[in-house]
Amino acid sequence: MTMDNCIFCKISQKKIPSTIVYEDEEMLAFKDINPIDKVHFLIIPREHIVNLMECNLDHQDILSKMLLLAPKLAKEFGLKGFRTMINSGKEGGQEVFHIHFHVYGGSEKLAKL
């Protein structure tokens, strides 16, 4: 299921260009347009899921696959360590209401935070 007005659904459908670093039938990873570190990409499910607050047991497989993809791609980008961030809800800092995992790293500055 996708939403017509969701930017990440549009990226998943390739209606909006992005720098895709991974894709399969269930999920997509692409570079963040405003990176906060040397390496910064997002992992999204193709299915429109609003955020973690909306997840249930039906979502456990895709969430697991997304989490396992993070270290695989981080290694491919040459990272020896990385951070993940998942914002859930407006009060949690979420700006795009399609669940997405930020994966970032590569600088000494963020490693010390």
PDB file of N, CA and C in Angstrom:
ATOM      1  N   MET A   1       0.832  -1.167   0.000  1.00  0.00           N
ATOM      2  CA  MET A   1       0.000   0.000   0.000  1.00  0.00           C
ATOM      3  C   MET A   1       0.890   1.248   0.000  1.00  0.00           C
ATOM      4  N   THR A   2       0.556   2.207  -0.826  1.00  0.00           N
ATOM      5  CA  THR A   2       1.282   3.473  -0.865  1.00  0.00           C
ATOM      6  C   THR A   2       0.286   4.616  -0.718  1.00  0.00           C
ATOM      7  N   MET A   3       0.825   5.793  -0.458  1.00  0.00           N
ATOM      8  CA  MET A   3      -0.026   6.979  -0.351  1.00  0.00           C
ATOM      9  C   MET A   3       0.386   7.952  -1.444  1.00  0.00           C
ATOM     10  N   ASP A   4      -0.592   8.516  -2.121  1.00  0.00           N
ATOM     11  CA  ASP A   4      -0.328   9.400  -3.251  1.00  0.00           C
ATOM     12  C   ASP A   4       0.455  10.650  -2.880  1.00  0.00           C
ATOM     13  N   ASN A   5       0.279  11.170  -1.672  1.00  0.00           N
ATOM     14  CA  ASN A   5       0.932  12.418  -1.298  1.00  0.00           C
ATOM     15  C   ASN A   5       2.194  12.211  -0.458  1.00  0.00           C
ATOM     16  N   CYS A   6       2.678  10.994  -0.340  1.00  0.00           N
ATOM     17  CA  CYS A   6       3.857  10.689   0.481  1.00  0.00           C
ATOM     18  C   CYS A   6       5.121  10.743  -0.382  1.00  0.00           C
ATOM     19  N   ILE A   7       6.063  11.585   0.007  1.00  0.00           N
ATOM     20  CA  ILE A   7       7.295  11.727  -0.772  1.00  0.00           C
ATOM     21  C   ILE A   7       8.094  10.428  -0.825  1.00  0.00           C
ATOM     22  N   PHE A   8       8.120   9.661   0.271  1.00  0.00           N
ATOM     23  CA  PHE A   8       8.880   8.412   0.253  1.00  0.00           C
ATOM     24  C   PHE A   8       8.192   7.348  -0.593  1.00  0.00           C
ATOM     25  N   CYS A   9       6.873   7.345  -0.627  1.00  0.00           N
ATOM     26  CA  CYS A   9       6.167   6.430  -1.540  1.00  0.00           C
ATOM     27  C   CYS A   9       6.503   6.802  -2.987  1.00  0.00           C
ATOM     28  N   LYS A  10       6.571   8.095  -3.265  1.00  0.00           N
ATOM     29  CA  LYS A  10       6.916   8.547  -4.619  1.00  0.00           C
ATOM     30  C   LYS A  10       8.346   8.168  -4.979  1.00  0.00           C
ATOM     31  N   ILE A  11       9.270   8.268  -4.016  1.00  0.00           N
ATOM     32  CA  ILE A  11      10.650   7.839  -4.265  1.00  0.00           C
ATOM     33  C   ILE A  11      10.679   6.335  -4.523  1.00  0.00           C
ATOM     34  N   SER A  12       9.930   5.569  -3.732  1.00  0.00           N
ATOM     35  CA  SER A  12       9.868   4.125  -3.899  1.00  0.00           C
ATOM     36  C   SER A  12       9.330   3.736  -5.277  1.00  0.00           C
ATOM     37  N   GLN A  13       8.397   4.520  -5.774  1.00  0.00           N
ATOM     38  CA  GLN A  13       7.799   4.266  -7.093  1.00  0.00           C
ATOM     39  C   GLN A  13       8.606   4.904  -8.221  1.00  0.00           C
ATOM     40  N   LYS A  14       9.709   5.570  -7.861  1.00  0.00           N
ATOM     41  CA  LYS A  14      10.601   6.249  -8.809  1.00  0.00           C
ATOM     42  C   LYS A  14       9.908   7.377  -9.550  1.00  0.00           C
ATOM     43  N   LYS A  15       8.953   8.003  -8.882  1.00  0.00           N
ATOM     44  CA  LYS A  15       8.307   9.201  -9.422  1.00  0.00           C
ATOM     45  C   LYS A  15       9.103  10.446  -9.066  1.00  0.00           C
ATOM     46  N   ILE A  16       9.959  10.319  -8.048  1.00  0.00           N
ATOM     47  CA  ILE A  16      10.867  11.384  -7.628  1.00  0.00           C
ATOM     48  C   ILE A  16      12.267  10.786  -7.637  1.00  0.00           C
ATOM     49  N   PRO A  17      13.238  11.473  -8.264  1.00  0.00           N
ATOM     50  CA  PRO A  17      14.589  10.913  -8.312  1.00  0.00           C
ATOM     51  C   PRO A  17      15.270  10.906  -6.950  1.00  0.00           C
ATOM     52  N   SER A  18      16.121   9.920  -6.761  1.00  0.00           N
ATOM     53  CA  SER A  18      16.937   9.819  -5.553  1.00  0.00           C
ATOM     54  C   SER A  18      18.163   8.984  -5.901  1.00  0.00           C
ATOM     55  N   THR A  19      19.133   9.024  -5.021  1.00  0.00           N
ATOM     56  CA  THR A  19      20.321   8.206  -5.203  1.00  0.00           C
ATOM     57  C   THR A  19      20.116   6.917  -4.422  1.00  0.00           C
ATOM     58  N   ILE A  20      19.646   5.912  -5.130  1.00  0.00           N
ATOM     59  CA  ILE A  20      19.313   4.625  -4.523  1.00  0.00           C
ATOM     60  C   ILE A  20      20.592   3.820  -4.300  1.00  0.00           C
ATOM     61  N   VAL A  21      20.747   3.289  -3.099  1.00  0.00           N
ATOM     62  CA  VAL A  21      21.921   2.469  -2.778  1.00  0.00           C
ATOM     63  C   VAL A  21      21.555   1.002  -2.595  1.00  0.00           C
ATOM     64  N   TYR A  22      20.249   0.722  -2.494  1.00  0.00           N
ATOM     65  CA  TYR A  22      19.783  -0.656  -2.368  1.00  0.00           C
ATOM     66  C   TYR A  22      18.287  -0.671  -2.651  1.00  0.00           C
ATOM     67  N   GLU A  23      17.836  -1.740  -3.305  1.00  0.00           N
ATOM     68  CA  GLU A  23      16.392  -1.940  -3.435  1.00  0.00           C
ATOM     69  C   GLU A  23      16.088  -3.401  -3.677  1.00  0.00           C
ATOM     70  N   ASP A  24      14.938  -3.805  -3.150  1.00  0.00           N
ATOM     71  CA  ASP A  24      14.381  -5.113  -3.445  1.00  0.00           C
ATOM     72  C   ASP A  24      12.860  -4.950  -3.457  1.00  0.00           C
ATOM     73  N   GLU A  25      12.145  -6.041  -3.447  1.00  0.00           N
ATOM     74  CA  GLU A  25      10.681  -5.964  -3.538  1.00  0.00           C
ATOM     75  C   GLU A  25      10.032  -5.309  -2.329  1.00  0.00           C
ATOM     76  N   GLU A  26      10.687  -5.383  -1.165  1.00  0.00           N
ATOM     77  CA  GLU A  26      10.076  -4.919   0.074  1.00  0.00           C
ATOM     78  C   GLU A  26      10.595  -3.591   0.611  1.00  0.00           C
ATOM     79  N   MET A  27      11.813  -3.220   0.224  1.00  0.00           N
ATOM     80  CA  MET A  27      12.388  -2.012   0.809  1.00  0.00           C
ATOM     81  C   MET A  27      13.354  -1.337  -0.148  1.00  0.00           C
ATOM     82  N   LEU A  28      13.728  -0.129   0.260  1.00  0.00           N
ATOM     83  CA  LEU A  28      14.580   0.721  -0.559  1.00  0.00           C
ATOM     84  C   LEU A  28      15.492   1.495   0.377  1.00  0.00           C
ATOM     85  N   ALA A  29      16.722   1.721  -0.036  1.00  0.00           N
ATOM     86  CA  ALA A  29      17.640   2.580   0.707  1.00  0.00           C
ATOM     87  C   ALA A  29      18.183   3.618  -0.264  1.00  0.00           C
ATOM     88  N   PHE A  30      18.260   4.857   0.200  1.00  0.00           N
ATOM     89  CA  PHE A  30      18.736   5.940  -0.652  1.00  0.00           C
ATOM     90  C   PHE A  30      19.441   6.989   0.191  1.00  0.00           C
ATOM     91  N   LYS A  31      20.322   7.755  -0.460  1.00  0.00           N
ATOM     92  CA  LYS A  31      21.088   8.773   0.246  1.00  0.00           C
ATOM     93  C   LYS A  31      20.167   9.899   0.707  1.00  0.00           C
ATOM     94  N   ASP A  32      20.435  10.394   1.907  1.00  0.00           N
ATOM     95  CA  ASP A  32      19.690  11.520   2.458  1.00  0.00           C
ATOM     96  C   ASP A  32      20.071  12.785   1.688  1.00  0.00           C
ATOM     97  N   ILE A  33      19.095  13.613   1.374  1.00  0.00           N
ATOM     98  CA  ILE A  33      19.394  14.833   0.611  1.00  0.00           C
ATOM     99  C   ILE A  33      20.036  15.918   1.475  1.00  0.00           C
ATOM    100  N   ASN A  34      19.946  15.787   2.787  1.00  0.00           N
ATOM    101  CA  ASN A  34      20.599  16.712   3.721  1.00  0.00           C
ATOM    102  C   ASN A  34      21.423  15.906   4.721  1.00  0.00           C
ATOM    103  N   PRO A  35      22.538  15.318   4.262  1.00  0.00           N
ATOM    104  CA  PRO A  35      23.299  14.425   5.135  1.00  0.00           C
ATOM    105  C   PRO A  35      23.873  15.147   6.350  1.00  0.00           C
ATOM    106  N   ILE A  36      23.883  14.442   7.479  1.00  0.00           N
ATOM    107  CA  ILE A  36      24.456  14.998   8.700  1.00  0.00           C
ATOM    108  C   ILE A  36      25.816  14.377   9.007  1.00  0.00           C
ATOM    109  N   ASP A  37      26.304  13.521   8.124  1.00  0.00           N
ATOM    110  CA  ASP A  37      27.602  12.896   8.298  1.00  0.00           C
ATOM    111  C   ASP A  37      28.142  12.521   6.924  1.00  0.00           C
ATOM    112  N   LYS A  38      29.368  12.010   6.887  1.00  0.00           N
ATOM    113  CA  LYS A  38      29.989  11.638   5.609  1.00  0.00           C
ATOM    114  C   LYS A  38      29.134  10.622   4.860  1.00  0.00           C
ATOM    115  N   VAL A  39      28.591   9.660   5.590  1.00  0.00           N
ATOM    116  CA  VAL A  39      27.669   8.673   5.023  1.00  0.00           C
ATOM    117  C   VAL A  39      26.337   8.866   5.735  1.00  0.00           C
ATOM    118  N   HIS A  40      25.265   9.011   4.963  1.00  0.00           N
ATOM    119  CA  HIS A  40      23.930   9.157   5.551  1.00  0.00           C
ATOM    120  C   HIS A  40      22.916   8.691   4.517  1.00  0.00           C
ATOM    121  N   PHE A  41      22.262   7.589   4.840  1.00  0.00           N
ATOM    122  CA  PHE A  41      21.218   7.084   3.960  1.00  0.00           C
ATOM    123  C   PHE A  41      19.999   6.689   4.775  1.00  0.00           C
ATOM    124  N   LEU A  42      18.883   6.534   4.094  1.00  0.00           N
ATOM    125  CA  LEU A  42      17.626   6.150   4.711  1.00  0.00           C
ATOM    126  C   LEU A  42      17.213   4.782   4.202  1.00  0.00           C
ATOM    127  N   ILE A  43      16.594   4.013   5.063  1.00  0.00           N
ATOM    128  CA  ILE A  43      16.017   2.723   4.675  1.00  0.00           C
ATOM    129  C   ILE A  43      14.523   2.828   4.919  1.00  0.00           C
ATOM    130  N   ILE A  44      13.736   2.528   3.889  1.00  0.00           N
ATOM    131  CA  ILE A  44      12.275   2.600   4.003  1.00  0.00           C
ATOM    132  C   ILE A  44      11.645   1.312   3.500  1.00  0.00           C
ATOM    133  N   PRO A  45      10.482   0.965   4.033  1.00  0.00           N
ATOM    134  CA  PRO A  45       9.729  -0.131   3.418  1.00  0.00           C
ATOM    135  C   PRO A  45       8.959   0.430   2.226  1.00  0.00           C
ATOM    136  N   ARG A  46       8.709  -0.382   1.246  1.00  0.00           N
ATOM    137  CA  ARG A  46       7.873   0.082   0.122  1.00  0.00           C
ATOM    138  C   ARG A  46       6.427   0.279   0.585  1.00  0.00           C
ATOM    139  N   GLU A  47       6.006  -0.541   1.534  1.00  0.00           N
ATOM    140  CA  GLU A  47       4.665  -0.387   2.103  1.00  0.00           C
ATOM    141  C   GLU A  47       4.626   0.901   2.914  1.00  0.00           C
ATOM    142  N   HIS A  48       3.562   1.646   2.777  1.00  0.00           N
ATOM    143  CA  HIS A  48       3.424   2.875   3.558  1.00  0.00           C
ATOM    144  C   HIS A  48       3.030   2.525   4.988  1.00  0.00           C
ATOM    145  N   ILE A  49       3.980   2.723   5.895  1.00  0.00           N
ATOM    146  CA  ILE A  49       3.756   2.575   7.328  1.00  0.00           C
ATOM    147  C   ILE A  49       4.113   3.933   7.917  1.00  0.00           C
ATOM    148  N   VAL A  50       3.252   4.514   8.705  1.00  0.00           N
ATOM    149  CA  VAL A  50       3.458   5.878   9.192  1.00  0.00           C
ATOM    150  C   VAL A  50       4.700   5.987  10.075  1.00  0.00           C
ATOM    151  N   ASN A  51       4.802   5.181  11.119  1.00  0.00           N
ATOM    152  CA  ASN A  51       5.947   5.234  12.027  1.00  0.00           C
ATOM    153  C   ASN A  51       5.897   4.031  12.971  1.00  0.00           C
ATOM    154  N   LEU A  52       6.845   3.962  13.883  1.00  0.00           N
ATOM    155  CA  LEU A  52       6.883   2.831  14.818  1.00  0.00           C
ATOM    156  C   LEU A  52       5.648   2.766  15.705  1.00  0.00           C
ATOM    157  N   MET A  53       5.058   3.911  15.992  1.00  0.00           N
ATOM    158  CA  MET A  53       3.851   3.946  16.824  1.00  0.00           C
ATOM    159  C   MET A  53       2.694   3.188  16.161  1.00  0.00           C
ATOM    160  N   GLU A  54       2.744   3.060  14.845  1.00  0.00           N
ATOM    161  CA  GLU A  54       1.681   2.394  14.084  1.00  0.00           C
ATOM    162  C   GLU A  54       1.985   0.921  13.820  1.00  0.00           C
ATOM    163  N   CYS A  55       3.161   0.462  14.190  1.00  0.00           N
ATOM    164  CA  CYS A  55       3.557  -0.918  13.884  1.00  0.00           C
ATOM    165  C   CYS A  55       2.910  -1.921  14.834  1.00  0.00           C
ATOM    166  N   ASN A  56       2.766  -3.134  14.310  1.00  0.00           N
ATOM    167  CA  ASN A  56       2.242  -4.248  15.100  1.00  0.00           C
ATOM    168  C   ASN A  56       2.978  -5.510  14.664  1.00  0.00           C
ATOM    169  N   LEU A  57       2.525  -6.657  15.127  1.00  0.00           N
ATOM    170  CA  LEU A  57       3.205  -7.909  14.797  1.00  0.00           C
ATOM    171  C   LEU A  57       3.249  -8.194  13.300  1.00  0.00           C
ATOM    172  N   ASP A  58       2.314  -7.648  12.544  1.00  0.00           N
ATOM    173  CA  ASP A  58       2.332  -7.839  11.090  1.00  0.00           C
ATOM    174  C   ASP A  58       3.562  -7.200  10.451  1.00  0.00           C
ATOM    175  N   HIS A  59       4.196  -6.265  11.134  1.00  0.00           N
ATOM    176  CA  HIS A  59       5.336  -5.530  10.582  1.00  0.00           C
ATOM    177  C   HIS A  59       6.688  -6.072  11.042  1.00  0.00           C
ATOM    178  N   GLN A  60       6.698  -7.100  11.880  1.00  0.00           N
ATOM    179  CA  GLN A  60       7.969  -7.543  12.448  1.00  0.00           C
ATOM    180  C   GLN A  60       8.964  -8.030  11.403  1.00  0.00           C
ATOM    181  N   ASP A  61       8.508  -8.678  10.349  1.00  0.00           N
ATOM    182  CA  ASP A  61       9.441  -9.173   9.334  1.00  0.00           C
ATOM    183  C   ASP A  61      10.122  -8.037   8.589  1.00  0.00           C
ATOM    184  N   ILE A  62       9.351  -7.052   8.154  1.00  0.00           N
ATOM    185  CA  ILE A  62       9.959  -5.954   7.397  1.00  0.00           C
ATOM    186  C   ILE A  62      10.862  -5.120   8.298  1.00  0.00           C
ATOM    187  N   LEU A  63      10.474  -4.896   9.539  1.00  0.00           N
ATOM    188  CA  LEU A  63      11.330  -4.135  10.455  1.00  0.00           C
ATOM    189  C   LEU A  63      12.649  -4.856  10.691  1.00  0.00           C
ATOM    190  N   SER A  64      12.582  -6.157  10.865  1.00  0.00           N
ATOM    191  CA  SER A  64      13.790  -6.953  11.045  1.00  0.00           C
ATOM    192  C   SER A  64      14.689  -6.862   9.817  1.00  0.00           C
ATOM    193  N   LYS A  65      14.117  -6.987   8.652  1.00  0.00           N
ATOM    194  CA  LYS A  65      14.906  -6.908   7.415  1.00  0.00           C
ATOM    195  C   LYS A  65      15.551  -5.536   7.261  1.00  0.00           C
ATOM    196  N   MET A  66      14.811  -4.493   7.624  1.00  0.00           N
ATOM    197  CA  MET A  66      15.365  -3.139   7.533  1.00  0.00           C
ATOM    198  C   MET A  66      16.544  -2.975   8.484  1.00  0.00           C
ATOM    199  N   LEU A  67      16.389  -3.459   9.714  1.00  0.00           N
ATOM    200  CA  LEU A  67      17.478  -3.342  10.691  1.00  0.00           C
ATOM    201  C   LEU A  67      18.707  -4.142  10.262  1.00  0.00           C
ATOM    202  N   LEU A  68      18.508  -5.310   9.689  1.00  0.00           N
ATOM    203  CA  LEU A  68      19.637  -6.126   9.244  1.00  0.00           C
ATOM    204  C   LEU A  68      20.316  -5.557   8.006  1.00  0.00           C
ATOM    205  N   LEU A  69      19.578  -4.783   7.220  1.00  0.00           N
ATOM    206  CA  LEU A  69      20.170  -4.148   6.049  1.00  0.00           C
ATOM    207  C   LEU A  69      21.129  -3.024   6.450  1.00  0.00           C
ATOM    208  N   ALA A  70      20.849  -2.361   7.564  1.00  0.00           N
ATOM    209  CA  ALA A  70      21.675  -1.218   7.992  1.00  0.00           C
ATOM    210  C   ALA A  70      23.162  -1.565   8.102  1.00  0.00           C
ATOM    211  N   PRO A  71      23.573  -2.595   8.849  1.00  0.00           N
ATOM    212  CA  PRO A  71      25.008  -2.886   8.936  1.00  0.00           C
ATOM    213  C   PRO A  71      25.601  -3.387   7.617  1.00  0.00           C
ATOM    214  N   LYS A  72      24.803  -4.091   6.843  1.00  0.00           N
ATOM    215  CA  LYS A  72      25.285  -4.570   5.546  1.00  0.00           C
ATOM    216  C   LYS A  72      25.685  -3.388   4.671  1.00  0.00           C
ATOM    217  N   LEU A  73      24.797  -2.399   4.555  1.00  0.00           N
ATOM    218  CA  LEU A  73      25.097  -1.232   3.725  1.00  0.00           C
ATOM    219  C   LEU A  73      26.188  -0.366   4.349  1.00  0.00           C
ATOM    220  N   ALA A  74      26.165  -0.230   5.680  1.00  0.00           N
ATOM    221  CA  ALA A  74      27.202   0.558   6.347  1.00  0.00           C
ATOM    222  C   ALA A  74      28.592   0.000   6.021  1.00  0.00           C
ATOM    223  N   LYS A  75      28.735  -1.318   6.054  1.00  0.00           N
ATOM    224  CA  LYS A  75      30.011  -1.947   5.708  1.00  0.00           C
ATOM    225  C   LYS A  75      30.377  -1.662   4.254  1.00  0.00           C
ATOM    226  N   GLU A  76      29.389  -1.716   3.362  1.00  0.00           N
ATOM    227  CA  GLU A  76      29.651  -1.441   1.947  1.00  0.00           C
ATOM    228  C   GLU A  76      30.135  -0.009   1.737  1.00  0.00           C
ATOM    229  N   PHE A  77      29.709   0.911   2.600  1.00  0.00           N
ATOM    230  CA  PHE A  77      30.161   2.301   2.531  1.00  0.00           C
ATOM    231  C   PHE A  77      31.476   2.509   3.281  1.00  0.00           C
ATOM    232  N   GLY A  78      32.042   1.438   3.831  1.00  0.00           N
ATOM    233  CA  GLY A  78      33.323   1.523   4.502  1.00  0.00           C
ATOM    234  C   GLY A  78      33.260   1.950   5.956  1.00  0.00           C
ATOM    235  N   LEU A  79      32.087   1.961   6.546  1.00  0.00           N
ATOM    236  CA  LEU A  79      31.954   2.359   7.943  1.00  0.00           C
ATOM    237  C   LEU A  79      32.349   1.214   8.864  1.00  0.00           C
ATOM    238  N   LYS A  80      33.050   1.552   9.934  1.00  0.00           N
ATOM    239  CA  LYS A  80      33.408   0.562  10.954  1.00  0.00           C
ATOM    240  C   LYS A  80      32.467   0.672  12.139  1.00  0.00           C
ATOM    241  N   GLY A  81      31.664   1.696  12.137  1.00  0.00           N
ATOM    242  CA  GLY A  81      30.638   1.938  13.136  1.00  0.00           C
ATOM    243  C   GLY A  81      29.652   2.936  12.552  1.00  0.00           C
ATOM    244  N   PHE A  82      28.463   2.972  13.100  1.00  0.00           N
ATOM    245  CA  PHE A  82      27.448   3.878  12.570  1.00  0.00           C
ATOM    246  C   PHE A  82      26.376   4.101  13.619  1.00  0.00           C
ATOM    247  N   ARG A  83      25.500   5.035  13.333  1.00  0.00           N
ATOM    248  CA  ARG A  83      24.344   5.296  14.179  1.00  0.00           C
ATOM    249  C   ARG A  83      23.082   5.080  13.366  1.00  0.00           C
ATOM    250  N   THR A  84      22.026   4.715  14.062  1.00  0.00           N
ATOM    251  CA  THR A  84      20.709   4.657  13.441  1.00  0.00           C
ATOM    252  C   THR A  84      19.788   5.563  14.246  1.00  0.00           C
ATOM    253  N   MET A  85      18.814   6.108  13.552  1.00  0.00           N
ATOM    254  CA  MET A  85      17.840   6.962  14.221  1.00  0.00           C
ATOM    255  C   MET A  85      16.485   6.731  13.565  1.00  0.00           C
ATOM    256  N   ILE A  86      15.475   6.570  14.400  1.00  0.00           N
ATOM    257  CA  ILE A  86      14.107   6.413  13.924  1.00  0.00           C
ATOM    258  C   ILE A  86      13.260   7.411  14.703  1.00  0.00           C
ATOM    259  N   ASN A  87      12.770   8.425  14.035  1.00  0.00           N
ATOM    260  CA  ASN A  87      11.893   9.398  14.679  1.00  0.00           C
ATOM    261  C   ASN A  87      10.457   8.921  14.502  1.00  0.00           C
ATOM    262  N   SER A  88       9.680   8.964  15.569  1.00  0.00           N
ATOM    263  CA  SER A  88       8.291   8.494  15.502  1.00  0.00           C
ATOM    264  C   SER A  88       7.352   9.564  16.026  1.00  0.00           C
ATOM    265  N   GLY A  89       6.522  10.078  15.143  1.00  0.00           N
ATOM    266  CA  GLY A  89       5.548  11.104  15.501  1.00  0.00           C
ATOM    267  C   GLY A  89       6.144  12.500  15.453  1.00  0.00           C
ATOM    268  N   LYS A  90       5.276  13.466  15.287  1.00  0.00           N
ATOM    269  CA  LYS A  90       5.704  14.867  15.227  1.00  0.00           C
ATOM    270  C   LYS A  90       6.494  15.249  16.470  1.00  0.00           C
ATOM    271  N   GLU A  91       6.022  14.824  17.630  1.00  0.00           N
ATOM    272  CA  GLU A  91       6.703  15.147  18.886  1.00  0.00           C
ATOM    273  C   GLU A  91       8.031  14.413  19.024  1.00  0.00           C
ATOM    274  N   GLY A  92       8.242  13.373  18.230  1.00  0.00           N
ATOM    275  CA  GLY A  92       9.501  12.635  18.219  1.00  0.00           C
ATOM    276  C   GLY A  92      10.450  13.122  17.137  1.00  0.00           C
ATOM    277  N   GLY A  93      10.088  14.219  16.465  1.00  0.00           N
ATOM    278  CA  GLY A  93      10.960  14.793  15.444  1.00  0.00           C
ATOM    279  C   GLY A  93      10.731  14.271  14.042  1.00  0.00           C
ATOM    280  N   GLN A  94       9.699  13.457  13.840  1.00  0.00           N
ATOM    281  CA  GLN A  94       9.435  12.921  12.511  1.00  0.00           C
ATOM    282  C   GLN A  94       8.912  14.024  11.600  1.00  0.00           C
ATOM    283  N   GLU A  95       9.493  14.125  10.401  1.00  0.00           N
ATOM    284  CA  GLU A  95       9.085  15.133   9.421  1.00  0.00           C
ATOM    285  C   GLU A  95       8.359  14.513   8.236  1.00  0.00           C
ATOM    286  N   VAL A  96       8.786  13.326   7.826  1.00  0.00           N
ATOM    287  CA  VAL A  96       8.122  12.601   6.742  1.00  0.00           C
ATOM    288  C   VAL A  96       7.413  11.420   7.386  1.00  0.00           C
ATOM    289  N   PHE A  97       6.111  11.353   7.215  1.00  0.00           N
ATOM    290  CA  PHE A  97       5.311  10.358   7.924  1.00  0.00           C
ATOM    291  C   PHE A  97       5.165   9.058   7.130  1.00  0.00           C
ATOM    292  N   HIS A  98       6.336   8.480   6.877  1.00  0.00           N
ATOM    293  CA  HIS A  98       6.530   7.150   6.284  1.00  0.00           C
ATOM    294  C   HIS A  98       7.740   6.628   7.042  1.00  0.00           C
ATOM    295  N   ILE A  99       7.593   5.531   7.760  1.00  0.00           N
ATOM    296  CA  ILE A  99       8.684   5.056   8.606  1.00  0.00           C
ATOM    297  C   ILE A  99       9.984   4.982   7.817  1.00  0.00           C
ATOM    298  N   HIS A 100      11.047   5.452   8.435  1.00  0.00           N
ATOM    299  CA  HIS A 100      12.367   5.396   7.807  1.00  0.00           C
ATOM    300  C   HIS A 100      13.439   5.346   8.878  1.00  0.00           C
ATOM    301  N   PHE A 101      14.472   4.579   8.577  1.00  0.00           N
ATOM    302  CA  PHE A 101      15.614   4.447   9.463  1.00  0.00           C
ATOM    303  C   PHE A 101      16.743   5.284   8.877  1.00  0.00           C
ATOM    304  N   HIS A 102      17.245   6.243   9.646  1.00  0.00           N
ATOM    305  CA  HIS A 102      18.446   6.972   9.263  1.00  0.00           C
ATOM    306  C   HIS A 102      19.635   6.111   9.657  1.00  0.00           C
ATOM    307  N   VAL A 103      20.603   5.988   8.771  1.00  0.00           N
ATOM    308  CA  VAL A 103      21.856   5.298   9.060  1.00  0.00           C
ATOM    309  C   VAL A 103      22.961   6.272   8.674  1.00  0.00           C
ATOM    310  N   TYR A 104      23.833   6.605   9.643  1.00  0.00           N
ATOM    311  CA  TYR A 104      24.864   7.590   9.342  1.00  0.00           C
ATOM    312  C   TYR A 104      26.125   7.351  10.152  1.00  0.00           C
ATOM    313  N   GLY A 105      27.225   7.862   9.624  1.00  0.00           N
ATOM    314  CA  GLY A 105      28.519   7.724  10.292  1.00  0.00           C
ATOM    315  C   GLY A 105      29.635   8.203   9.409  1.00  0.00           C
ATOM    316  N   GLY A 106      30.840   8.079   9.932  1.00  0.00           N
ATOM    317  CA  GLY A 106      32.017   8.423   9.147  1.00  0.00           C
ATOM    318  C   GLY A 106      32.824   9.593   9.640  1.00  0.00           C
ATOM    319  N   SER A 107      32.298  10.349  10.597  1.00  0.00           N
ATOM    320  CA  SER A 107      33.070  11.484  11.081  1.00  0.00           C
ATOM    321  C   SER A 107      33.436  11.296  12.542  1.00  0.00           C
ATOM    322  N   GLU A 108      34.531  11.883  12.923  1.00  0.00           N
ATOM    323  CA  GLU A 108      34.983  11.845  14.304  1.00  0.00           C
ATOM    324  C   GLU A 108      34.034  12.636  15.206  1.00  0.00           C
ATOM    325  N   LYS A 109      33.476  13.724  14.685  1.00  0.00           N
ATOM    326  CA  LYS A 109      32.626  14.610  15.473  1.00  0.00           C
ATOM    327  C   LYS A 109      31.435  13.875  16.073  1.00  0.00           C
ATOM    328  N   LEU A 110      30.688  13.156  15.247  1.00  0.00           N
ATOM    329  CA  LEU A 110      29.506  12.454  15.758  1.00  0.00           C
ATOM    330  C   LEU A 110      29.880  11.244  16.591  1.00  0.00           C
ATOM    331  N   ALA A 111      31.027  10.664  16.344  1.00  0.00           N
ATOM    332  CA  ALA A 111      31.450   9.492  17.106  1.00  0.00           C
ATOM    333  C   ALA A 111      31.653   9.843  18.580  1.00  0.00           C
ATOM    334  N   LYS A 112      31.924  11.104  18.874  1.00  0.00           N
ATOM    335  CA  LYS A 112      32.187  11.524  20.252  1.00  0.00           C
ATOM    336  C   LYS A 112      30.932  11.965  20.984  1.00  0.00           C
ATOM    337  N   LEU A 113      29.818  12.075  20.314  1.00  0.00           N
ATOM    338  CA  LEU A 113      28.584  12.527  20.972  1.00  0.00           C
ATOM    339  C   LEU A 113      28.002  11.465  21.864  1.00  0.00           C
TER     340      LEU A 113
END
